[in-house]
Amino acid sequence: MDTIKVIISDKEYNLLYAKTEEEKENGLKDVEEMVDDEGMFFDYRDDPQEEISFWMQDTTIPLDIIFVGKDDTVLSVQKGIPLTEDYLTEHDVYYL
């Protein structure tokens, strides 16, 4: 899988770049540990979503999910709790 560097404020993040439906579907479910500057970028620029949801059913590490809108503003930051089936949902998502 490709990687992408993203800068938020003054901090640089190294993110796996989920482009395909399979990569988006699998997400980080098989990852057992990550450092603070790592994560995953889900690209919906070519397919903006009216509503998108994530769940943590098969994910064993806690995750912050940052939903971003079309104008690159943060819509919300939600805490993903490992191994839960609760949905984390946001509207008008461009990428995250």
Protein backbone atom coordinates (compact mmCIF):
# COMPACT_ATOMS: atom_id res chain seq x y z
CA MET A 1 0.00 0.00 0.00
CA ASP A 2 1.22 3.51 -0.78
CA THR A 3 1.96 6.06 1.92
CA ILE A 4 1.32 9.79 2.10
CA LYS A 5 2.73 12.54 4.32
CA VAL A 6 0.21 14.95 5.84
CA ILE A 7 1.02 18.05 7.86
CA ILE A 8 -1.50 19.25 10.44
CA SER A 9 -0.43 22.43 12.22
CA ASP A 10 3.31 21.86 12.67
CA LYS A 11 3.19 18.07 12.96
CA GLU A 12 3.94 15.67 10.09
CA TYR A 13 2.12 12.33 9.86
CA ASN A 14 3.08 9.25 7.81
CA LEU A 15 -0.14 7.63 6.66
CA LEU A 16 -1.00 4.52 4.73
CA TYR A 17 -3.02 5.61 1.69
CA ALA A 18 -6.25 3.62 1.31
CA LYS A 19 -7.45 4.18 -2.27
CA THR A 20 -9.18 0.95 -3.27
CA GLU A 21 -12.45 -0.30 -1.81
CA GLU A 22 -10.61 -3.34 -0.39
CA GLU A 23 -8.02 -1.16 1.34
CA LYS A 24 -10.76 1.04 2.79
CA GLU A 25 -12.77 -1.97 3.90
CA ASN A 26 -9.80 -3.59 5.68
CA GLY A 27 -8.54 -0.33 7.20
CA LEU A 28 -6.23 -0.97 10.14
CA LYS A 29 -7.93 -4.10 11.45
CA ASP A 30 -4.79 -6.27 11.35
CA VAL A 31 -2.47 -3.61 12.80
CA GLU A 32 -1.40 -4.35 16.38
CA GLU A 33 0.57 -1.17 17.14
CA MET A 34 1.29 2.26 15.69
CA VAL A 35 3.36 5.23 16.77
CA ASP A 36 1.80 8.68 17.25
CA ASP A 37 2.69 9.97 13.79
CA GLU A 38 1.23 6.99 11.89
CA GLY A 39 -2.26 6.32 10.62
CA MET A 40 -4.33 5.79 7.50
CA PHE A 41 -5.69 8.24 4.92
CA PHE A 42 -9.01 7.26 3.31
CA ASP A 43 -9.43 9.11 0.01
CA TYR A 44 -12.99 10.02 -0.99
CA ARG A 45 -12.13 13.03 -3.19
CA ASP A 46 -13.38 11.26 -6.33
CA ASP A 47 -16.43 9.90 -4.49
CA PRO A 48 -17.54 12.34 -1.75
CA GLN A 49 -19.87 10.68 0.74
CA GLU A 50 -23.10 12.15 2.06
CA GLU A 51 -22.56 9.98 5.14
CA ILE A 52 -19.74 7.65 6.13
CA SER A 53 -19.36 5.32 9.09
CA PHE A 54 -16.49 3.38 10.61
CA TRP A 55 -16.51 0.70 13.24
CA MET A 56 -13.79 -0.92 15.28
CA GLN A 57 -15.08 -4.50 15.40
CA ASP A 58 -11.83 -6.14 14.25
CA THR A 59 -9.43 -3.35 15.24
CA THR A 60 -7.37 -3.95 18.39
CA ILE A 61 -5.77 -0.51 18.84
CA PRO A 62 -7.53 2.75 19.78
CA LEU A 63 -7.80 5.21 16.90
CA ASP A 64 -8.70 8.85 16.46
CA ILE A 65 -10.75 9.29 13.30
CA ILE A 66 -10.60 12.77 11.77
CA PHE A 67 -13.38 13.50 9.29
CA VAL A 68 -12.55 16.25 6.78
CA GLY A 69 -14.95 18.17 4.55
CA LYS A 70 -14.67 19.46 1.00
CA ASP A 71 -12.99 22.72 2.00
CA ASP A 72 -10.31 20.87 4.03
CA THR A 73 -11.89 21.79 7.36
CA VAL A 74 -12.12 19.25 10.14
CA LEU A 75 -15.75 18.19 10.55
CA SER A 76 -15.13 16.13 13.70
CA VAL A 77 -12.61 14.03 15.59
CA GLN A 78 -14.02 10.83 17.03
CA LYS A 79 -12.44 8.26 19.33
CA GLY A 80 -12.50 4.68 18.08
CA ILE A 81 -12.65 2.14 20.90
CA PRO A 82 -10.99 -1.20 20.06
CA LEU A 83 -13.20 -4.20 19.31
CA THR A 84 -16.52 -2.31 19.56
CA GLU A 85 -19.39 -2.43 17.09
CA ASP A 86 -20.45 1.19 17.65
CA TYR A 87 -20.46 3.26 14.47
CA LEU A 88 -18.52 6.49 14.18
CA THR A 89 -20.48 8.53 11.62
CA GLU A 90 -20.10 11.90 9.91
CA HIS A 91 -21.84 13.68 7.02
CA ASP A 92 -20.43 15.33 3.86
CA VAL A 93 -17.02 13.67 4.14
CA TYR A 94 -14.40 14.46 1.51
CA TYR A 95 -11.50 12.49 2.96
CA LEU A 96 -10.13 11.37 6.30
